Amino acid sequence: MMQDVQFKKDEGSKCLFYIMDGEEQLGEMEVSISNTEIIVYHTEVDPKAEGKGLAKRLLETMVGYTRKNALQVVPLCPYVLAQFKRHPQEYEDVWKSITR
């Protein structure tokens, strides 16, 4: 049974949003978090789990975290940047303007 997106903070600013299916990790989003922003580096979904909306769930969880903590997103990840460009009105409140 697939779990909700989880969040793990390592030493320093490196963090991970991830989705598990039992013992197996199916997707992850690598980020770093500072006092003012969250930089998204990479989003990856296991090939066998593609097409199930996992990347979108990771994105929505990250954006929710960003809003809750009054941060701005710097989308270095191609997937996140593509979603922000495709739906600018949905993400304009969290999209750090210098990245556009």
C-alpha atoms as a PDB file:
ATOM      1  CA  MET A   1       0.000   0.000   0.000  1.00  0.00           C
ATOM      2  CA  MET A   2       1.401   3.341  -1.080  1.00  0.00           C
ATOM      3  CA  GLN A   3       1.998   5.885   1.665  1.00  0.00           C
ATOM      4  CA  ASP A   4       1.591   9.628   1.740  1.00  0.00           C
ATOM      5  CA  VAL A   5       4.514  11.840   0.807  1.00  0.00           C
ATOM      6  CA  GLN A   6       7.000  11.962   3.666  1.00  0.00           C
ATOM      7  CA  PHE A   7       9.647  14.520   4.539  1.00  0.00           C
ATOM      8  CA  LYS A   8      13.187  13.924   5.768  1.00  0.00           C
ATOM      9  CA  LYS A   9      15.700  16.604   6.781  1.00  0.00           C
ATOM     10  CA  ASP A  10      19.367  15.663   6.772  1.00  0.00           C
ATOM     11  CA  GLU A  11      22.259  17.485   8.401  1.00  0.00           C
ATOM     12  CA  GLY A  12      22.462  21.047   7.126  1.00  0.00           C
ATOM     13  CA  SER A  13      19.917  22.241   4.580  1.00  0.00           C
ATOM     14  CA  LYS A  14      19.476  19.082   2.428  1.00  0.00           C
ATOM     15  CA  CYS A  15      15.986  17.622   2.556  1.00  0.00           C
ATOM     16  CA  LEU A  16      13.926  15.021   0.765  1.00  0.00           C
ATOM     17  CA  PHE A  17      10.240  14.620   0.024  1.00  0.00           C
ATOM     18  CA  TYR A  18       9.615  10.953  -0.781  1.00  0.00           C
ATOM     19  CA  ILE A  19       6.938   8.306  -1.311  1.00  0.00           C
ATOM     20  CA  MET A  20       7.267   4.728  -0.077  1.00  0.00           C
ATOM     21  CA  ASP A  21       5.388   1.579  -1.052  1.00  0.00           C
ATOM     22  CA  GLY A  22       6.028  -0.683   1.903  1.00  0.00           C
ATOM     23  CA  GLU A  23       9.828  -0.874   2.151  1.00  0.00           C
ATOM     24  CA  GLU A  24      10.421   0.464  -1.358  1.00  0.00           C
ATOM     25  CA  GLN A  25      10.906   4.129  -2.255  1.00  0.00           C
ATOM     26  CA  LEU A  26       8.942   4.962  -5.418  1.00  0.00           C
ATOM     27  CA  GLY A  27       9.647   8.661  -5.780  1.00  0.00           C
ATOM     28  CA  GLU A  28      11.686  11.506  -4.358  1.00  0.00           C
ATOM     29  CA  MET A  29      12.232  15.229  -4.647  1.00  0.00           C
ATOM     30  CA  GLU A  30      15.604  16.603  -3.508  1.00  0.00           C
ATOM     31  CA  VAL A  31      15.525  20.093  -2.041  1.00  0.00           C
ATOM     32  CA  SER A  32      17.488  22.399   0.217  1.00  0.00           C
ATOM     33  CA  ILE A  33      15.786  24.791   2.590  1.00  0.00           C
ATOM     34  CA  SER A  34      17.009  28.112   3.926  1.00  0.00           C
ATOM     35  CA  ASN A  35      15.250  30.760   6.005  1.00  0.00           C
ATOM     36  CA  THR A  36      13.642  32.296   2.917  1.00  0.00           C
ATOM     37  CA  GLU A  37      13.585  29.749   0.121  1.00  0.00           C
ATOM     38  CA  ILE A  38      13.400  26.147  -0.931  1.00  0.00           C
ATOM     39  CA  ILE A  39      15.599  25.122  -3.852  1.00  0.00           C
ATOM     40  CA  VAL A  40      14.311  22.103  -5.782  1.00  0.00           C
ATOM     41  CA  TYR A  41      17.132  20.187  -7.466  1.00  0.00           C
ATOM     42  CA  HIS A  42      15.685  16.947  -8.688  1.00  0.00           C
ATOM     43  CA  THR A  43      12.467  14.936  -8.916  1.00  0.00           C
ATOM     44  CA  GLU A  44      12.581  11.244  -9.681  1.00  0.00           C
ATOM     45  CA  VAL A  45       9.965   8.488  -9.861  1.00  0.00           C
ATOM     46  CA  ASP A  46      10.783   4.798 -10.196  1.00  0.00           C
ATOM     47  CA  PRO A  47      10.062   3.763 -13.836  1.00  0.00           C
ATOM     48  CA  LYS A  48       7.604   1.080 -12.713  1.00  0.00           C
ATOM     49  CA  ALA A  49       5.608   3.700 -10.787  1.00  0.00           C
ATOM     50  CA  GLU A  50       5.434   6.289 -13.579  1.00  0.00           C
ATOM     51  CA  GLY A  51       2.038   7.506 -14.742  1.00  0.00           C
ATOM     52  CA  LYS A  52       0.479   7.287 -11.275  1.00  0.00           C
ATOM     53  CA  GLY A  53       0.777  10.977 -10.439  1.00  0.00           C
ATOM     54  CA  LEU A  54       3.589  10.537  -7.920  1.00  0.00           C
ATOM     55  CA  ALA A  55       5.669  13.464  -9.207  1.00  0.00           C
ATOM     56  CA  LYS A  56       2.564  15.667  -8.941  1.00  0.00           C
ATOM     57  CA  ARG A  57       1.992  14.493  -5.349  1.00  0.00           C
ATOM     58  CA  LEU A  58       5.608  15.336  -4.502  1.00  0.00           C
ATOM     59  CA  LEU A  59       5.193  18.757  -6.121  1.00  0.00           C
ATOM     60  CA  GLU A  60       1.942  19.497  -4.266  1.00  0.00           C
ATOM     61  CA  THR A  61       3.445  18.442  -0.924  1.00  0.00           C
ATOM     62  CA  MET A  62       6.543  20.590  -1.483  1.00  0.00           C
ATOM     63  CA  VAL A  63       4.392  23.607  -2.458  1.00  0.00           C
ATOM     64  CA  GLY A  64       2.199  23.066   0.607  1.00  0.00           C
ATOM     65  CA  TYR A  65       5.293  22.980   2.817  1.00  0.00           C
ATOM     66  CA  THR A  66       6.555  26.133   1.100  1.00  0.00           C
ATOM     67  CA  ARG A  67       3.301  28.022   1.730  1.00  0.00           C
ATOM     68  CA  LYS A  68       3.037  26.830   5.332  1.00  0.00           C
ATOM     69  CA  ASN A  69       6.557  28.068   6.050  1.00  0.00           C
ATOM     70  CA  ALA A  70       6.299  31.320   4.015  1.00  0.00           C
ATOM     71  CA  LEU A  71       9.154  30.359   1.667  1.00  0.00           C
ATOM     72  CA  GLN A  72       9.819  30.963  -2.030  1.00  0.00           C
ATOM     73  CA  VAL A  73      10.631  28.165  -4.500  1.00  0.00           C
ATOM     74  CA  VAL A  74      13.705  28.243  -6.743  1.00  0.00           C
ATOM     75  CA  PRO A  75      12.820  25.531  -9.298  1.00  0.00           C
ATOM     76  CA  LEU A  76      16.139  24.210 -10.634  1.00  0.00           C
ATOM     77  CA  CYS A  77      14.467  20.854 -11.276  1.00  0.00           C
ATOM     78  CA  PRO A  78      13.224  20.668 -14.908  1.00  0.00           C
ATOM     79  CA  TYR A  79       9.963  18.964 -13.881  1.00  0.00           C
ATOM     80  CA  VAL A  80       9.075  21.589 -11.273  1.00  0.00           C
ATOM     81  CA  LEU A  81      10.052  24.455 -13.578  1.00  0.00           C
ATOM     82  CA  ALA A  82       7.886  22.985 -16.362  1.00  0.00           C
ATOM     83  CA  GLN A  83       4.892  22.703 -14.004  1.00  0.00           C
ATOM     84  CA  PHE A  84       5.373  26.283 -12.769  1.00  0.00           C
ATOM     85  CA  LYS A  85       5.533  27.549 -16.365  1.00  0.00           C
ATOM     86  CA  ARG A  86       2.489  25.494 -17.374  1.00  0.00           C
ATOM     87  CA  HIS A  87       0.385  26.692 -14.404  1.00  0.00           C
ATOM     88  CA  PRO A  88       1.860  30.088 -13.396  1.00  0.00           C
ATOM     89  CA  GLN A  89      -1.290  31.328 -11.656  1.00  0.00           C
ATOM     90  CA  GLU A  90      -1.336  28.218  -9.441  1.00  0.00           C
ATOM     91  CA  TYR A  91       2.226  28.761  -8.216  1.00  0.00           C
ATOM     92  CA  GLU A  92       2.876  32.515  -8.578  1.00  0.00           C
ATOM     93  CA  ASP A  93       2.690  33.062  -4.807  1.00  0.00           C
ATOM     94  CA  VAL A  94       5.615  30.674  -4.161  1.00  0.00           C
ATOM     95  CA  TRP A  95       7.650  31.004  -7.366  1.00  0.00           C
ATOM     96  CA  LYS A  96      10.726  33.132  -6.652  1.00  0.00           C
ATOM     97  CA  SER A  97      10.525  35.826  -9.309  1.00  0.00           C
ATOM     98  CA  ILE A  98      14.205  35.842 -10.300  1.00  0.00           C
ATOM     99  CA  THR A  99      13.818  32.332 -11.729  1.00  0.00           C
ATOM    100  CA  ARG A 100      11.247  33.231 -14.401  1.00  0.00           C
END
